[in-house]
Amino acid sequence: MAKKLKKSDDQLADAVRMSSQEIWQAGLAAFAKAQEDEGKFFSMQLFEERVLRALSSIGVPTRQEIDALHQRIDALTQQVAALSGKPAAKAGKAAVKPPAAKKVAAKKAAVKKVK
């Protein structure tokens, strides 16, 4: 009976040893993958920074600068509307648009002058 316990203890120890080795190898593989992904992320981040630096050196505004300009335009549009007593135009639309009828009349007048 002592031999059976001895065999089962050895088998249990071998199973634990194999499991721990598999866990260790899986951990190493995960660590290697994380390092590889970190390297890709770092190189991508470095590339993006270089592109941004190149764009700013030739004068291309950043998204934040464009957004800030849009906010300033909206604020100025509201101030002008408040001073003139007219309702402010919605953002993204031209504040002054001649009606289609005025365009047609202007074209007709131009044609009459030519004749």
C-alpha atoms as a PDB file:
ATOM      1  CA  MET A   1       0.000   0.000   0.000  1.00  0.00           C
ATOM      2  CA  ALA A   2       2.905   2.320   0.645  1.00  0.00           C
ATOM      3  CA  LYS A   3       4.016   1.814  -2.936  1.00  0.00           C
ATOM      4  CA  LYS A   4       0.627   2.901  -4.255  1.00  0.00           C
ATOM      5  CA  LEU A   5       0.796   6.089  -2.254  1.00  0.00           C
ATOM      6  CA  LYS A   6       4.316   6.621  -3.449  1.00  0.00           C
ATOM      7  CA  LYS A   7       3.288   6.171  -7.080  1.00  0.00           C
ATOM      8  CA  SER A   8       0.290   8.460  -6.784  1.00  0.00           C
ATOM      9  CA  ASP A   9       2.417  11.085  -4.995  1.00  0.00           C
ATOM     10  CA  ASP A  10       4.991  10.922  -7.785  1.00  0.00           C
ATOM     11  CA  GLN A  11       2.268  11.170 -10.415  1.00  0.00           C
ATOM     12  CA  LEU A  12       0.705  14.104  -8.603  1.00  0.00           C
ATOM     13  CA  ALA A  13       4.081  15.827  -8.333  1.00  0.00           C
ATOM     14  CA  ASP A  14       4.731  15.233 -12.044  1.00  0.00           C
ATOM     15  CA  ALA A  15       1.305  16.602 -12.952  1.00  0.00           C
ATOM     16  CA  VAL A  16       1.852  19.701 -10.808  1.00  0.00           C
ATOM     17  CA  ARG A  17       5.332  20.176 -12.304  1.00  0.00           C
ATOM     18  CA  MET A  18       3.969  19.871 -15.867  1.00  0.00           C
ATOM     19  CA  SER A  19       1.123  22.279 -15.136  1.00  0.00           C
ATOM     20  CA  SER A  20       3.467  24.801 -13.577  1.00  0.00           C
ATOM     21  CA  GLN A  21       5.801  24.576 -16.579  1.00  0.00           C
ATOM     22  CA  GLU A  22       2.874  25.105 -18.970  1.00  0.00           C
ATOM     23  CA  ILE A  23       1.708  28.095 -16.942  1.00  0.00           C
ATOM     24  CA  TRP A  24       5.252  29.510 -16.906  1.00  0.00           C
ATOM     25  CA  GLN A  25       5.588  29.068 -20.694  1.00  0.00           C
ATOM     26  CA  ALA A  26       2.194  30.657 -21.298  1.00  0.00           C
ATOM     27  CA  GLY A  27       3.227  33.596 -19.128  1.00  0.00           C
ATOM     28  CA  LEU A  28       6.477  34.000 -21.061  1.00  0.00           C
ATOM     29  CA  ALA A  29       4.601  33.865 -24.358  1.00  0.00           C
ATOM     30  CA  ALA A  30       2.135  36.489 -23.142  1.00  0.00           C
ATOM     31  CA  PHE A  31       4.996  38.700 -21.946  1.00  0.00           C
ATOM     32  CA  ALA A  32       6.791  38.383 -25.303  1.00  0.00           C
ATOM     33  CA  LYS A  33       3.562  39.238 -27.148  1.00  0.00           C
ATOM     34  CA  ALA A  34       3.015  42.277 -24.920  1.00  0.00           C
ATOM     35  CA  GLN A  35       6.561  43.491 -25.586  1.00  0.00           C
ATOM     36  CA  GLU A  36       6.054  43.033 -29.318  1.00  0.00           C
ATOM     37  CA  ASP A  37       2.754  44.915 -29.263  1.00  0.00           C
ATOM     38  CA  GLU A  38       4.281  47.661 -27.141  1.00  0.00           C
ATOM     39  CA  GLY A  39       7.031  48.052 -29.728  1.00  0.00           C
ATOM     40  CA  LYS A  40       4.453  48.352 -32.508  1.00  0.00           C
ATOM     41  CA  PHE A  41       2.465  50.876 -30.469  1.00  0.00           C
ATOM     42  CA  PHE A  42       5.583  52.900 -29.726  1.00  0.00           C
ATOM     43  CA  SER A  43       6.670  52.962 -33.380  1.00  0.00           C
ATOM     44  CA  MET A  44       3.144  53.965 -34.464  1.00  0.00           C
ATOM     45  CA  GLN A  45       3.076  56.737 -31.874  1.00  0.00           C
ATOM     46  CA  LEU A  46       6.507  57.909 -33.031  1.00  0.00           C
ATOM     47  CA  PHE A  47       5.293  57.946 -36.647  1.00  0.00           C
ATOM     48  CA  GLU A  48       2.223  59.984 -35.734  1.00  0.00           C
ATOM     49  CA  GLU A  49       4.336  62.504 -33.840  1.00  0.00           C
ATOM     50  CA  ARG A  50       6.660  62.888 -36.828  1.00  0.00           C
ATOM     51  CA  VAL A  51       3.728  63.434 -39.199  1.00  0.00           C
ATOM     52  CA  LEU A  52       2.200  66.032 -36.868  1.00  0.00           C
ATOM     53  CA  ARG A  53       5.535  67.817 -36.574  1.00  0.00           C
ATOM     54  CA  ALA A  54       5.933  67.842 -40.378  1.00  0.00           C
ATOM     55  CA  LEU A  55       2.395  69.152 -40.908  1.00  0.00           C
ATOM     56  CA  SER A  56       2.838  71.915 -38.351  1.00  0.00           C
ATOM     57  CA  SER A  57       6.169  72.936 -39.929  1.00  0.00           C
ATOM     58  CA  ILE A  58       4.402  73.629 -43.241  1.00  0.00           C
ATOM     59  CA  GLY A  59       1.596  75.510 -41.508  1.00  0.00           C
ATOM     60  CA  VAL A  60      -1.271  72.998 -41.476  1.00  0.00           C
ATOM     61  CA  PRO A  61      -3.468  73.777 -38.455  1.00  0.00           C
ATOM     62  CA  THR A  62      -4.286  71.083 -35.932  1.00  0.00           C
ATOM     63  CA  ARG A  63      -7.804  69.866 -35.245  1.00  0.00           C
ATOM     64  CA  GLN A  64      -7.815  71.745 -31.921  1.00  0.00           C
ATOM     65  CA  GLU A  65      -6.872  74.992 -33.683  1.00  0.00           C
ATOM     66  CA  ILE A  66      -9.656  74.527 -36.233  1.00  0.00           C
ATOM     67  CA  ASP A  67     -12.178  73.740 -33.494  1.00  0.00           C
ATOM     68  CA  ALA A  68     -11.099  76.863 -31.598  1.00  0.00           C
ATOM     69  CA  LEU A  69     -11.606  78.953 -34.744  1.00  0.00           C
ATOM     70  CA  HIS A  70     -15.091  77.499 -35.221  1.00  0.00           C
ATOM     71  CA  GLN A  71     -15.973  78.466 -31.655  1.00  0.00           C
ATOM     72  CA  ARG A  72     -14.677  81.996 -32.190  1.00  0.00           C
ATOM     73  CA  ILE A  73     -16.652  82.322 -35.443  1.00  0.00           C
ATOM     74  CA  ASP A  74     -19.837  81.154 -33.723  1.00  0.00           C
ATOM     75  CA  ALA A  75     -19.310  83.616 -30.869  1.00  0.00           C
ATOM     76  CA  LEU A  76     -18.665  86.505 -33.272  1.00  0.00           C
ATOM     77  CA  THR A  77     -21.709  85.554 -35.352  1.00  0.00           C
ATOM     78  CA  GLN A  78     -23.874  85.713 -32.246  1.00  0.00           C
ATOM     79  CA  GLN A  79     -22.399  89.074 -31.256  1.00  0.00           C
ATOM     80  CA  VAL A  80     -23.016  90.520 -34.720  1.00  0.00           C
ATOM     81  CA  ALA A  81     -26.566  89.185 -34.697  1.00  0.00           C
ATOM     82  CA  ALA A  82     -27.171  90.694 -31.264  1.00  0.00           C
ATOM     83  CA  LEU A  83     -25.861  94.083 -32.395  1.00  0.00           C
ATOM     84  CA  SER A  84     -27.818  94.092 -35.652  1.00  0.00           C
ATOM     85  CA  GLY A  85     -31.029  92.833 -34.082  1.00  0.00           C
ATOM     86  CA  LYS A  86     -31.271  89.847 -36.437  1.00  0.00           C
ATOM     87  CA  PRO A  87     -31.336  86.230 -35.285  1.00  0.00           C
ATOM     88  CA  ALA A  88     -27.998  84.454 -35.577  1.00  0.00           C
ATOM     89  CA  ALA A  89     -27.553  82.054 -38.470  1.00  0.00           C
ATOM     90  CA  LYS A  90     -26.975  78.422 -37.582  1.00  0.00           C
ATOM     91  CA  ALA A  91     -23.381  77.187 -37.541  1.00  0.00           C
ATOM     92  CA  GLY A  92     -22.169  75.816 -40.831  1.00  0.00           C
ATOM     93  CA  LYS A  93     -24.522  77.938 -42.959  1.00  0.00           C
ATOM     94  CA  ALA A  94     -23.653  81.207 -44.621  1.00  0.00           C
ATOM     95  CA  ALA A  95     -25.048  84.172 -42.747  1.00  0.00           C
ATOM     96  CA  VAL A  96     -26.042  86.046 -45.920  1.00  0.00           C
ATOM     97  CA  LYS A  97     -27.587  84.178 -48.840  1.00  0.00           C
ATOM     98  CA  PRO A  98     -29.337  86.002 -51.642  1.00  0.00           C
ATOM     99  CA  PRO A  99     -32.698  84.455 -52.486  1.00  0.00           C
ATOM    100  CA  ALA A 100     -32.992  82.509 -55.728  1.00  0.00           C
ATOM    101  CA  ALA A 101     -35.427  85.102 -57.150  1.00  0.00           C
ATOM    102  CA  LYS A 102     -32.801  87.840 -56.811  1.00  0.00           C
ATOM    103  CA  LYS A 103     -30.289  85.705 -58.693  1.00  0.00           C
ATOM    104  CA  VAL A 104     -32.726  85.080 -61.532  1.00  0.00           C
ATOM    105  CA  ALA A 105     -33.598  88.781 -61.752  1.00  0.00           C
ATOM    106  CA  ALA A 106     -29.932  89.743 -61.791  1.00  0.00           C
ATOM    107  CA  LYS A 107     -29.239  87.298 -64.633  1.00  0.00           C
ATOM    108  CA  LYS A 108     -32.203  88.646 -66.636  1.00  0.00           C
ATOM    109  CA  ALA A 109     -30.997  92.217 -66.140  1.00  0.00           C
ATOM    110  CA  ALA A 110     -27.524  91.257 -67.310  1.00  0.00           C
ATOM    111  CA  VAL A 111     -28.942  89.610 -70.448  1.00  0.00           C
ATOM    112  CA  LYS A 112     -31.042  92.725 -71.267  1.00  0.00           C
ATOM    113  CA  LYS A 113     -27.945  94.958 -70.970  1.00  0.00           C
ATOM    114  CA  VAL A 114     -26.043  92.782 -73.444  1.00  0.00           C
ATOM    115  CA  LYS A 115     -28.838  92.964 -76.063  1.00  0.00           C
END
